[in-house]
PDB file of N, CA and C in Angstrom:
ATOM      1  N   MET A   1     -10.105  -0.306 -26.501  1.00  0.00           N
ATOM      2  CA  MET A   1      -9.732  -1.078 -25.288  1.00  0.00           C
ATOM      3  C   MET A   1     -10.561  -1.511 -24.610  1.00  0.00           C
ATOM      4  N   HIS A   2     -11.572  -2.823 -24.556  1.00  0.00           N
ATOM      5  CA  HIS A   2     -12.242  -2.467 -22.494  1.00  0.00           C
ATOM      6  C   HIS A   2     -11.662  -2.388 -21.626  1.00  0.00           C
ATOM      7  N   THR A   3     -13.016  -1.422 -20.897  1.00  0.00           N
ATOM      8  CA  THR A   3     -11.832  -1.218 -19.348  1.00  0.00           C
ATOM      9  C   THR A   3     -13.164  -1.871 -19.246  1.00  0.00           C
ATOM     10  N   LEU A   4     -12.466  -3.099 -17.900  1.00  0.00           N
ATOM     11  CA  LEU A   4     -13.647  -3.806 -16.848  1.00  0.00           C
ATOM     12  C   LEU A   4     -13.568  -2.472 -15.372  1.00  0.00           C
ATOM     13  N   SER A   5     -15.139  -3.178 -14.727  1.00  0.00           N
ATOM     14  CA  SER A   5     -15.350  -2.473 -14.239  1.00  0.00           C
ATOM     15  C   SER A   5     -14.317  -2.643 -12.612  1.00  0.00           C
ATOM     16  N   LEU A   6     -15.148  -1.269 -12.065  1.00  0.00           N
ATOM     17  CA  LEU A   6     -13.908  -2.057 -10.859  1.00  0.00           C
ATOM     18  C   LEU A   6     -14.153  -3.284  -9.864  1.00  0.00           C
ATOM     19  N   ASN A   7     -14.909  -3.640  -9.720  1.00  0.00           N
ATOM     20  CA  ASN A   7     -15.311  -4.309  -8.647  1.00  0.00           C
ATOM     21  C   ASN A   7     -14.765  -5.994  -9.680  1.00  0.00           C
ATOM     22  N   ASP A   8     -14.776  -6.392 -10.726  1.00  0.00           N
ATOM     23  CA  ASP A   8     -14.683  -7.246 -11.674  1.00  0.00           C
ATOM     24  C   ASP A   8     -13.018  -7.404 -11.860  1.00  0.00           C
ATOM     25  N   TRP A   9     -12.396  -5.523 -11.680  1.00  0.00           N
ATOM     26  CA  TRP A   9     -11.111  -4.947 -12.280  1.00  0.00           C
ATOM     27  C   TRP A   9     -10.160  -6.441 -10.805  1.00  0.00           C
ATOM     28  N   LEU A  10     -10.584  -5.366  -9.852  1.00  0.00           N
ATOM     29  CA  LEU A  10     -10.569  -6.732  -8.654  1.00  0.00           C
ATOM     30  C   LEU A  10     -10.745  -8.001  -7.453  1.00  0.00           C
ATOM     31  N   ALA A  11     -11.392  -8.173  -8.589  1.00  0.00           N
ATOM     32  CA  ALA A  11     -12.024  -9.493  -7.989  1.00  0.00           C
ATOM     33  C   ALA A  11     -10.681 -10.760  -9.094  1.00  0.00           C
ATOM     34  N   ALA A  12      -9.909  -9.811 -10.237  1.00  0.00           N
ATOM     35  CA  ALA A  12      -8.912 -10.397 -10.992  1.00  0.00           C
ATOM     36  C   ALA A  12      -7.448 -10.057 -10.576  1.00  0.00           C
ATOM     37  N   HIS A  13      -7.597  -9.108  -9.170  1.00  0.00           N
ATOM     38  CA  HIS A  13      -5.607  -8.878  -8.747  1.00  0.00           C
ATOM     39  C   HIS A  13      -6.490  -9.015  -7.025  1.00  0.00           C
ATOM     40  N   PRO A  14      -6.335  -9.757  -7.141  1.00  0.00           N
ATOM     41  CA  PRO A  14      -6.390  -9.866  -5.290  1.00  0.00           C
ATOM     42  C   PRO A  14      -5.515  -9.279  -4.448  1.00  0.00           C
ATOM     43  N   GLU A  15      -4.523  -8.628  -5.060  1.00  0.00           N
ATOM     44  CA  GLU A  15      -2.743  -8.237  -4.976  1.00  0.00           C
ATOM     45  C   GLU A  15      -4.003  -7.733  -3.820  1.00  0.00           C
ATOM     46  N   VAL A  16      -4.018  -6.015  -4.784  1.00  0.00           N
ATOM     47  CA  VAL A  16      -4.748  -5.027  -4.458  1.00  0.00           C
ATOM     48  C   VAL A  16      -6.317  -5.154  -3.708  1.00  0.00           C
ATOM     49  N   GLU A  17      -5.837  -4.411  -1.951  1.00  0.00           N
ATOM     50  CA  GLU A  17      -7.018  -4.657  -0.860  1.00  0.00           C
ATOM     51  C   GLU A  17      -8.459  -3.105  -0.653  1.00  0.00           C
ATOM     52  N   ALA A  18      -8.647  -3.402  -0.297  1.00  0.00           N
ATOM     53  CA  ALA A  18     -10.295  -2.341   0.129  1.00  0.00           C
ATOM     54  C   ALA A  18      -9.134  -1.293   1.463  1.00  0.00           C
ATOM     55  N   LEU A  19      -8.805  -0.161   2.214  1.00  0.00           N
ATOM     56  CA  LEU A  19      -8.996   0.380   3.267  1.00  0.00           C
ATOM     57  C   LEU A  19     -10.506  -0.128   3.825  1.00  0.00           C
ATOM     58  N   PRO A  20     -11.200  -0.334   4.520  1.00  0.00           N
ATOM     59  CA  PRO A  20     -11.597  -0.495   5.579  1.00  0.00           C
ATOM     60  C   PRO A  20     -12.545   1.175   5.150  1.00  0.00           C
ATOM     61  N   GLU A  21     -13.594   1.584   5.536  1.00  0.00           N
ATOM     62  CA  GLU A  21     -14.916   2.634   5.229  1.00  0.00           C
ATOM     63  C   GLU A  21     -14.141   3.303   4.633  1.00  0.00           C
ATOM     64  N   ARG A  22     -13.399   3.377   4.027  1.00  0.00           N
ATOM     65  CA  ARG A  22     -12.875   4.703   2.992  1.00  0.00           C
ATOM     66  C   ARG A  22     -12.437   3.804   1.638  1.00  0.00           C
ATOM     67  N   ASP A  23     -12.575   5.747   0.997  1.00  0.00           N
ATOM     68  CA  ASP A  23     -12.084   5.082  -1.141  1.00  0.00           C
ATOM     69  C   ASP A  23     -10.710   5.187  -1.222  1.00  0.00           C
ATOM     70  N   LEU A  24      -9.851   3.994  -0.510  1.00  0.00           N
ATOM     71  CA  LEU A  24      -8.284   3.977  -1.006  1.00  0.00           C
ATOM     72  C   LEU A  24      -8.670   2.120  -0.712  1.00  0.00           C
ATOM     73  N   TYR A  25      -7.557   2.164  -1.365  1.00  0.00           N
ATOM     74  CA  TYR A  25      -6.877   0.523  -1.898  1.00  0.00           C
ATOM     75  C   TYR A  25      -5.331   0.556  -1.836  1.00  0.00           C
ATOM     76  N   VAL A  26      -4.752   0.121  -0.954  1.00  0.00           N
ATOM     77  CA  VAL A  26      -3.374  -1.011  -1.407  1.00  0.00           C
ATOM     78  C   VAL A  26      -3.262  -1.473  -2.751  1.00  0.00           C
ATOM     79  N   VAL A  27      -2.202  -0.660  -3.052  1.00  0.00           N
ATOM     80  CA  VAL A  27      -2.417  -0.721  -4.565  1.00  0.00           C
ATOM     81  C   VAL A  27      -0.462  -1.855  -4.741  1.00  0.00           C
ATOM     82  N   ALA A  28      -0.224  -1.713  -3.101  1.00  0.00           N
ATOM     83  CA  ALA A  28       1.387  -1.644  -3.452  1.00  0.00           C
ATOM     84  C   ALA A  28       1.810  -2.169  -1.777  1.00  0.00           C
ATOM     85  N   ARG A  29       2.606  -2.341  -1.764  1.00  0.00           N
ATOM     86  CA  ARG A  29       4.207  -2.741   0.338  1.00  0.00           C
ATOM     87  C   ARG A  29       5.165  -2.849  -0.144  1.00  0.00           C
ATOM     88  N   TYR A  30       6.145  -1.630  -0.049  1.00  0.00           N
ATOM     89  CA  TYR A  30       7.076  -2.311  -0.121  1.00  0.00           C
ATOM     90  C   TYR A  30       8.009  -2.327   1.178  1.00  0.00           C
ATOM     91  N   MET A  31       9.128  -2.610   1.884  1.00  0.00           N
ATOM     92  CA  MET A  31       9.878  -3.042   2.560  1.00  0.00           C
ATOM     93  C   MET A  31      11.268  -1.678   3.306  1.00  0.00           C
ATOM     94  N   ILE A  32      10.700  -0.940   1.466  1.00  0.00           N
ATOM     95  CA  ILE A  32      11.980  -0.088   1.833  1.00  0.00           C
ATOM     96  C   ILE A  32      10.829   1.406   1.599  1.00  0.00           C
ATOM     97  N   PRO A  33      11.411   1.802   2.724  1.00  0.00           N
ATOM     98  CA  PRO A  33      10.373   3.115   2.291  1.00  0.00           C
ATOM     99  C   PRO A  33      10.908   4.170   0.970  1.00  0.00           C
ATOM    100  N   VAL A  34      12.230   3.962   0.670  1.00  0.00           N
ATOM    101  CA  VAL A  34      11.774   5.036   0.028  1.00  0.00           C
ATOM    102  C   VAL A  34      12.321   4.623  -1.415  1.00  0.00           C
ATOM    103  N   ASP A  35      11.854   3.029  -1.646  1.00  0.00           N
ATOM    104  CA  ASP A  35      11.076   2.413  -2.010  1.00  0.00           C
ATOM    105  C   ASP A  35       9.652   3.066  -2.543  1.00  0.00           C
ATOM    106  N   ALA A  36       9.319   3.040  -1.779  1.00  0.00           N
ATOM    107  CA  ALA A  36       8.473   3.570  -1.864  1.00  0.00           C
ATOM    108  C   ALA A  36       7.146   5.209  -1.951  1.00  0.00           C
ATOM    109  N   THR A  37       8.339   5.734  -1.248  1.00  0.00           N
ATOM    110  CA  THR A  37       8.584   6.913  -2.392  1.00  0.00           C
ATOM    111  C   THR A  37       8.699   7.184  -3.156  1.00  0.00           C
ATOM    112  N   LEU A  38       9.233   6.766  -4.142  1.00  0.00           N
ATOM    113  CA  LEU A  38       9.739   6.534  -5.370  1.00  0.00           C
ATOM    114  C   LEU A  38       8.668   5.833  -6.124  1.00  0.00           C
ATOM    115  N   ALA A  39       8.263   4.995  -5.738  1.00  0.00           N
ATOM    116  CA  ALA A  39       6.547   4.661  -6.579  1.00  0.00           C
ATOM    117  C   ALA A  39       5.874   5.743  -6.629  1.00  0.00           C
ATOM    118  N   GLN A  40       5.526   6.239  -5.112  1.00  0.00           N
ATOM    119  CA  GLN A  40       4.657   7.601  -5.109  1.00  0.00           C
ATOM    120  C   GLN A  40       5.150   8.431  -5.982  1.00  0.00           C
ATOM    121  N   GLY A  41       6.099   9.361  -6.178  1.00  0.00           N
ATOM    122  CA  GLY A  41       6.674  10.229  -7.204  1.00  0.00           C
ATOM    123  C   GLY A  41       6.204   9.643  -8.583  1.00  0.00           C
ATOM    124  N   CYS A  42       6.761   8.875  -8.459  1.00  0.00           N
ATOM    125  CA  CYS A  42       5.611   7.950 -10.357  1.00  0.00           C
ATOM    126  C   CYS A  42       4.357   8.301 -10.307  1.00  0.00           C
ATOM    127  N   LEU A  43       3.447   7.476  -9.672  1.00  0.00           N
ATOM    128  CA  LEU A  43       2.422   7.509  -9.520  1.00  0.00           C
ATOM    129  C   LEU A  43       1.158   8.965  -9.375  1.00  0.00           C
ATOM    130  N   GLU A  44       2.363  10.098  -9.210  1.00  0.00           N
ATOM    131  CA  GLU A  44       1.991  11.562  -8.781  1.00  0.00           C
ATOM    132  C   GLU A  44       2.538  11.979  -9.727  1.00  0.00           C
ATOM    133  N   ALA A  45       3.426  11.821 -10.795  1.00  0.00           N
ATOM    134  CA  ALA A  45       3.979  12.689 -11.597  1.00  0.00           C
ATOM    135  C   ALA A  45       3.100  12.197 -13.156  1.00  0.00           C
ATOM    136  N   SER A  46       2.541  10.851 -13.163  1.00  0.00           N
ATOM    137  CA  SER A  46       1.641  10.226 -13.916  1.00  0.00           C
ATOM    138  C   SER A  46       0.291  11.043 -13.536  1.00  0.00           C
ATOM    139  N   GLY A  47      -0.613  11.866 -12.327  1.00  0.00           N
ATOM    140  CA  GLY A  47      -1.737  12.324 -12.395  1.00  0.00           C
ATOM    141  C   GLY A  47      -2.369  11.639 -11.425  1.00  0.00           C
ATOM    142  N   ILE A  48      -1.790  10.990 -11.107  1.00  0.00           N
ATOM    143  CA  ILE A  48      -2.568   9.942  -9.472  1.00  0.00           C
ATOM    144  C   ILE A  48      -2.210   9.902  -8.610  1.00  0.00           C
ATOM    145  N   PRO A  49      -3.091  10.928  -7.984  1.00  0.00           N
ATOM    146  CA  PRO A  49      -2.723  10.877  -6.233  1.00  0.00           C
ATOM    147  C   PRO A  49      -2.289   9.602  -5.992  1.00  0.00           C
ATOM    148  N   ALA A  50      -1.159   9.542  -4.731  1.00  0.00           N
ATOM    149  CA  ALA A  50      -1.307   8.385  -3.942  1.00  0.00           C
ATOM    150  C   ALA A  50      -0.458   9.981  -2.454  1.00  0.00           C
ATOM    151  N   MET A  51      -1.106   8.487  -2.022  1.00  0.00           N
ATOM    152  CA  MET A  51      -0.428   8.470  -0.150  1.00  0.00           C
ATOM    153  C   MET A  51       0.587   7.151   0.402  1.00  0.00           C
ATOM    154  N   LEU A  52       1.187   7.182   0.889  1.00  0.00           N
ATOM    155  CA  LEU A  52       2.088   6.538   2.277  1.00  0.00           C
ATOM    156  C   LEU A  52       0.923   6.322   3.070  1.00  0.00           C
ATOM    157  N   ALA A  53       0.843   5.112   3.584  1.00  0.00           N
ATOM    158  CA  ALA A  53       0.495   4.742   4.928  1.00  0.00           C
ATOM    159  C   ALA A  53       2.222   3.550   5.731  1.00  0.00           C
ATOM    160  N   ASP A  54       2.408   4.562   7.174  1.00  0.00           N
ATOM    161  CA  ASP A  54       2.973   3.505   7.776  1.00  0.00           C
ATOM    162  C   ASP A  54       4.553   3.718   7.282  1.00  0.00           C
ATOM    163  N   ALA A  55       5.460   4.867   6.414  1.00  0.00           N
ATOM    164  CA  ALA A  55       6.541   4.980   5.587  1.00  0.00           C
ATOM    165  C   ALA A  55       7.485   5.730   6.938  1.00  0.00           C
ATOM    166  N   HIS A  56       6.256   6.557   8.162  1.00  0.00           N
ATOM    167  CA  HIS A  56       7.624   7.758   9.031  1.00  0.00           C
ATOM    168  C   HIS A  56       7.792   5.478  10.064  1.00  0.00           C
ATOM    169  N   LEU A  57       6.564   4.754  10.409  1.00  0.00           N
ATOM    170  CA  LEU A  57       7.254   3.959  11.426  1.00  0.00           C
ATOM    171  C   LEU A  57       7.964   2.925  10.034  1.00  0.00           C
ATOM    172  N   MET A  58       8.015   3.718   9.563  1.00  0.00           N
ATOM    173  CA  MET A  58       8.929   2.110   8.866  1.00  0.00           C
ATOM    174  C   MET A  58      10.788   2.727   9.090  1.00  0.00           C
ATOM    175  N   GLN A  59      10.445   4.117   8.426  1.00  0.00           N
ATOM    176  CA  GLN A  59      11.942   4.357   8.942  1.00  0.00           C
ATOM    177  C   GLN A  59      12.825   4.864   9.756  1.00  0.00           C
ATOM    178  N   THR A  60      11.505   4.534  11.307  1.00  0.00           N
ATOM    179  CA  THR A  60      12.090   5.096  12.658  1.00  0.00           C
ATOM    180  C   THR A  60      12.955   3.846  12.858  1.00  0.00           C
ATOM    181  N   ASP A  61      12.343   1.965  12.575  1.00  0.00           N
ATOM    182  CA  ASP A  61      12.331   1.088  12.806  1.00  0.00           C
ATOM    183  C   ASP A  61      12.605   0.107  11.515  1.00  0.00           C
ATOM    184  N   LEU A  62      13.650  -0.505  10.932  1.00  0.00           N
ATOM    185  CA  LEU A  62      13.747  -0.906   9.310  1.00  0.00           C
ATOM    186  C   LEU A  62      13.169  -2.784  10.352  1.00  0.00           C
ATOM    187  N   LEU A  63      12.980  -2.964  10.754  1.00  0.00           N
ATOM    188  CA  LEU A  63      12.415  -3.964  11.747  1.00  0.00           C
ATOM    189  C   LEU A  63      11.508  -4.746  12.427  1.00  0.00           C
ATOM    190  N   LEU A  64      11.214  -3.309  11.596  1.00  0.00           N
ATOM    191  CA  LEU A  64       9.048  -3.491  12.339  1.00  0.00           C
ATOM    192  C   LEU A  64       8.728  -3.556  10.512  1.00  0.00           C
ATOM    193  N   ALA A  65       8.960  -3.473   9.352  1.00  0.00           N
ATOM    194  CA  ALA A  65       8.483  -3.528   8.729  1.00  0.00           C
ATOM    195  C   ALA A  65       8.660  -5.018   8.187  1.00  0.00           C
ATOM    196  N   PRO A  66       8.612  -6.435   8.040  1.00  0.00           N
ATOM    197  CA  PRO A  66       8.067  -6.901   8.252  1.00  0.00           C
ATOM    198  C   PRO A  66       6.911  -7.573   9.273  1.00  0.00           C
ATOM    199  N   ALA A  67       6.881  -7.020  10.050  1.00  0.00           N
ATOM    200  CA  ALA A  67       5.624  -7.870  11.585  1.00  0.00           C
ATOM    201  C   ALA A  67       4.708  -6.317  10.389  1.00  0.00           C
ATOM    202  N   LEU A  68       4.739  -5.818  10.175  1.00  0.00           N
ATOM    203  CA  LEU A  68       3.694  -4.446   9.648  1.00  0.00           C
ATOM    204  C   LEU A  68       3.034  -4.478   8.070  1.00  0.00           C
ATOM    205  N   GLY A  69       3.911  -5.424   7.909  1.00  0.00           N
ATOM    206  CA  GLY A  69       3.555  -5.713   5.847  1.00  0.00           C
ATOM    207  C   GLY A  69       4.049  -4.748   5.201  1.00  0.00           C
ATOM    208  N   GLY A  70       4.903  -3.413   5.909  1.00  0.00           N
ATOM    209  CA  GLY A  70       6.196  -2.744   5.229  1.00  0.00           C
ATOM    210  C   GLY A  70       5.444  -1.932   4.525  1.00  0.00           C
ATOM    211  N   VAL A  71       5.996  -0.315   3.520  1.00  0.00           N
ATOM    212  CA  VAL A  71       4.823   0.912   3.367  1.00  0.00           C
ATOM    213  C   VAL A  71       3.694   0.117   3.109  1.00  0.00           C
ATOM    214  N   ARG A  72       2.602   1.265   3.034  1.00  0.00           N
ATOM    215  CA  ARG A  72       1.181   0.693   2.307  1.00  0.00           C
ATOM    216  C   ARG A  72       1.615   2.098   1.265  1.00  0.00           C
ATOM    217  N   LEU A  73       1.234   1.474  -0.351  1.00  0.00           N
ATOM    218  CA  LEU A  73       0.848   2.766  -0.753  1.00  0.00           C
ATOM    219  C   LEU A  73      -0.738   2.873  -1.436  1.00  0.00           C
ATOM    220  N   LEU A  74      -0.845   4.180  -0.792  1.00  0.00           N
ATOM    221  CA  LEU A  74      -2.877   4.089  -1.170  1.00  0.00           C
ATOM    222  C   LEU A  74      -3.708   5.050  -2.476  1.00  0.00           C
ATOM    223  N   VAL A  75      -4.277   4.681  -3.431  1.00  0.00           N
ATOM    224  CA  VAL A  75      -4.759   5.855  -4.198  1.00  0.00           C
ATOM    225  C   VAL A  75      -6.286   5.392  -3.935  1.00  0.00           C
ATOM    226  N   PRO A  76      -6.661   6.521  -4.666  1.00  0.00           N
ATOM    227  CA  PRO A  76      -8.379   6.205  -4.290  1.00  0.00           C
ATOM    228  C   PRO A  76      -8.361   5.595  -5.792  1.00  0.00           C
ATOM    229  N   ALA A  77     -10.139   4.667  -5.359  1.00  0.00           N
ATOM    230  CA  ALA A  77     -11.136   3.936  -6.177  1.00  0.00           C
ATOM    231  C   ALA A  77     -10.561   4.366  -7.253  1.00  0.00           C
ATOM    232  N   GLU A  78     -10.724   5.378  -7.610  1.00  0.00           N
ATOM    233  CA  GLU A  78     -11.291   5.836  -9.660  1.00  0.00           C
ATOM    234  C   GLU A  78      -9.597   5.776  -9.740  1.00  0.00           C
ATOM    235  N   HIS A  79      -8.724   5.498  -9.720  1.00  0.00           N
ATOM    236  CA  HIS A  79      -6.761   5.517 -10.017  1.00  0.00           C
ATOM    237  C   HIS A  79      -6.171   3.840 -10.246  1.00  0.00           C
ATOM    238  N   VAL A  80      -7.352   3.353  -9.248  1.00  0.00           N
ATOM    239  CA  VAL A  80      -6.916   1.776  -9.140  1.00  0.00           C
ATOM    240  C   VAL A  80      -6.361   1.291 -10.789  1.00  0.00           C
ATOM    241  N   GLN A  81      -6.824   1.386 -11.509  1.00  0.00           N
ATOM    242  CA  GLN A  81      -6.437   0.453 -12.262  1.00  0.00           C
ATOM    243  C   GLN A  81      -5.273   1.359 -13.505  1.00  0.00           C
ATOM    244  N   ALA A  82      -5.443   3.073 -12.720  1.00  0.00           N
ATOM    245  CA  ALA A  82      -3.753   4.068 -13.906  1.00  0.00           C
ATOM    246  C   ALA A  82      -3.259   3.010 -13.136  1.00  0.00           C
ATOM    247  N   ALA A  83      -2.917   3.403 -11.566  1.00  0.00           N
ATOM    248  CA  ALA A  83      -2.000   3.039 -11.541  1.00  0.00           C
ATOM    249  C   ALA A  83      -1.577   1.900 -10.959  1.00  0.00           C
ATOM    250  N   HIS A  84      -2.059   0.872 -11.480  1.00  0.00           N
ATOM    251  CA  HIS A  84      -1.684   0.113 -11.299  1.00  0.00           C
ATOM    252  C   HIS A  84      -0.473  -0.525 -12.741  1.00  0.00           C
ATOM    253  N   ASP A  85      -1.312   0.729 -13.549  1.00  0.00           N
ATOM    254  CA  ASP A  85      -0.192   0.302 -14.979  1.00  0.00           C
ATOM    255  C   ASP A  85       1.111   0.629 -14.879  1.00  0.00           C
ATOM    256  N   VAL A  86       0.792   1.891 -14.247  1.00  0.00           N
ATOM    257  CA  VAL A  86       1.943   2.370 -13.937  1.00  0.00           C
ATOM    258  C   VAL A  86       3.197   2.162 -12.562  1.00  0.00           C
ATOM    259  N   LEU A  87       2.152   1.052 -11.682  1.00  0.00           N
ATOM    260  CA  LEU A  87       3.685   0.341 -11.267  1.00  0.00           C
ATOM    261  C   LEU A  87       4.554  -1.084 -12.731  1.00  0.00           C
ATOM    262  N   LEU A  88       3.639  -1.325 -12.799  1.00  0.00           N
ATOM    263  CA  LEU A  88       4.238  -2.406 -13.718  1.00  0.00           C
ATOM    264  C   LEU A  88       5.241  -1.727 -14.532  1.00  0.00           C
ATOM    265  N   ALA A  89       4.584   0.004 -15.649  1.00  0.00           N
ATOM    266  CA  ALA A  89       5.650   0.674 -16.208  1.00  0.00           C
ATOM    267  C   ALA A  89       7.166   1.098 -15.564  1.00  0.00           C
ATOM    268  N   LEU A  90       6.602   1.120 -14.461  1.00  0.00           N
ATOM    269  CA  LEU A  90       8.291   1.715 -13.166  1.00  0.00           C
ATOM    270  C   LEU A  90       8.603   0.081 -12.840  1.00  0.00           C
ATOM    271  N   ALA A  91       7.797  -0.984 -12.322  1.00  0.00           N
ATOM    272  CA  ALA A  91       9.613  -2.274 -13.054  1.00  0.00           C
ATOM    273  C   ALA A  91       9.640  -2.884 -13.663  1.00  0.00           C
ATOM    274  N   ARG A  92       9.103  -2.317 -15.227  1.00  0.00           N
ATOM    275  CA  ARG A  92       9.947  -2.162 -16.595  1.00  0.00           C
ATOM    276  C   ARG A  92      11.147  -2.186 -16.624  1.00  0.00           C
ATOM    277  N   GLY A  93      10.687  -0.430 -15.894  1.00  0.00           N
ATOM    278  CA  GLY A  93      11.812   0.367 -15.849  1.00  0.00           C
ATOM    279  C   GLY A  93      11.336   1.345 -17.592  1.00  0.00           C
ATOM    280  N   ASP A  94      10.276   1.701 -17.239  1.00  0.00           N
ATOM    281  CA  ASP A  94       9.995   2.213 -18.143  1.00  0.00           C
ATOM    282  C   ASP A  94      10.505   3.818 -17.926  1.00  0.00           C
ATOM    283  N   PHE A  95      10.534   4.668 -16.282  1.00  0.00           N
ATOM    284  CA  PHE A  95      10.970   5.522 -15.988  1.00  0.00           C
ATOM    285  C   PHE A  95      12.378   5.560 -15.482  1.00  0.00           C
ATOM    286  N   ALA A  96      13.212   4.563 -15.832  1.00  0.00           N
ATOM    287  CA  ALA A  96      14.647   4.737 -15.872  1.00  0.00           C
ATOM    288  C   ALA A  96      15.290   6.428 -16.395  1.00  0.00           C
ATOM    289  N   LEU A  97      16.136   6.676 -16.469  1.00  0.00           N
ATOM    290  CA  LEU A  97      16.740   8.121 -16.832  1.00  0.00           C
ATOM    291  C   LEU A  97      17.931   7.192 -17.570  1.00  0.00           C
ATOM    292  N   ASP A  98      18.153   8.035 -18.533  1.00  0.00           N
ATOM    293  CA  ASP A  98      19.238   6.913 -19.167  1.00  0.00           C
ATOM    294  C   ASP A  98      20.787   7.756 -19.414  1.00  0.00           C
ATOM    295  N   GLU A  99      21.461   7.030 -18.349  1.00  0.00           N
ATOM    296  CA  GLU A  99      22.501   7.514 -18.165  1.00  0.00           C
ATOM    297  C   GLU A  99      23.190   8.137 -19.557  1.00  0.00           C
ATOM    298  N   ASN A 100      23.526   8.433 -20.666  1.00  0.00           N
ATOM    299  CA  ASN A 100      23.708   9.010 -21.782  1.00  0.00           C
ATOM    300  C   ASN A 100      23.253   9.520 -22.406  1.00  0.00           C
ATOM    301  N   ALA A 101      21.649  10.278 -21.623  1.00  0.00           N
ATOM    302  CA  ALA A 101      21.581  10.791 -22.325  1.00  0.00           C
ATOM    303  C   ALA A 101      22.088  12.682 -21.783  1.00  0.00           C
ATOM    304  N   PRO A 102      22.690  13.778 -23.025  1.00  0.00           N
ATOM    305  CA  PRO A 102      22.654  15.012 -22.300  1.00  0.00           C
ATOM    306  C   PRO A 102      22.393  15.036 -21.506  1.00  0.00           C
ATOM    307  N   ASP A 103      22.595  16.498 -20.889  1.00  0.00           N
ATOM    308  CA  ASP A 103      22.038  16.923 -19.359  1.00  0.00           C
ATOM    309  C   ASP A 103      20.735  17.636 -19.341  1.00  0.00           C
ATOM    310  N   GLY A 104      20.099  17.423 -19.007  1.00  0.00           N
ATOM    311  CA  GLY A 104      18.080  17.849 -18.711  1.00  0.00           C
ATOM    312  C   GLY A 104      17.649  17.195 -19.462  1.00  0.00           C
ATOM    313  N   GLU A 105      18.056  16.342 -19.955  1.00  0.00           N
ATOM    314  CA  GLU A 105      16.900  15.399 -21.001  1.00  0.00           C
ATOM    315  C   GLU A 105      17.173  13.670 -20.479  1.00  0.00           C
ATOM    316  N   TRP A 106      15.098  12.655 -20.341  1.00  0.00           N
ATOM    317  CA  TRP A 106      15.674  11.243 -20.017  1.00  0.00           C
ATOM    318  C   TRP A 106      14.787  10.903 -21.116  1.00  0.00           C
ATOM    319  N   ARG A 107      14.486   9.755 -20.520  1.00  0.00           N
ATOM    320  CA  ARG A 107      13.511   9.272 -21.716  1.00  0.00           C
ATOM    321  C   ARG A 107      12.311   9.552 -20.714  1.00  0.00           C
ATOM    322  N   THR A 108      10.969   9.278 -21.534  1.00  0.00           N
ATOM    323  CA  THR A 108       9.850   9.316 -21.113  1.00  0.00           C
ATOM    324  C   THR A 108       9.177   7.935 -21.105  1.00  0.00           C
ATOM    325  N   PRO A 109       8.256   8.020 -20.466  1.00  0.00           N
ATOM    326  CA  PRO A 109       7.425   5.734 -20.143  1.00  0.00           C
ATOM    327  C   PRO A 109       7.005   6.068 -21.671  1.00  0.00           C
ATOM    328  N   GLY A 110       6.874   4.871 -21.824  1.00  0.00           N
ATOM    329  CA  GLY A 110       5.442   4.488 -23.514  1.00  0.00           C
ATOM    330  C   GLY A 110       6.411   4.617 -24.964  1.00  0.00           C
TER     331      GLY A 110
END
């Protein structure tokens, strides 16, 4: 599979924004802090370092979420493309637990 350079990839994904003077990118925004925490956990379980910005502020007053743009999910530049793939997998339901699986067993992505 051909891998695009980060600049080419970012040009094709304008929703991903860089933080000024930082090596971090906002790969997603969530209006509900628990959703952001779930996405962060999926990224970290996939080996991608991730952090949340504004999560505590949103938990204090959810009415601020639209005004502030929600909870930002941040990843380092070298993990932006992989994070995007993991978030797409999360949206598809690849990380869903199988309710009919025996105790201690669950479906893995892919």
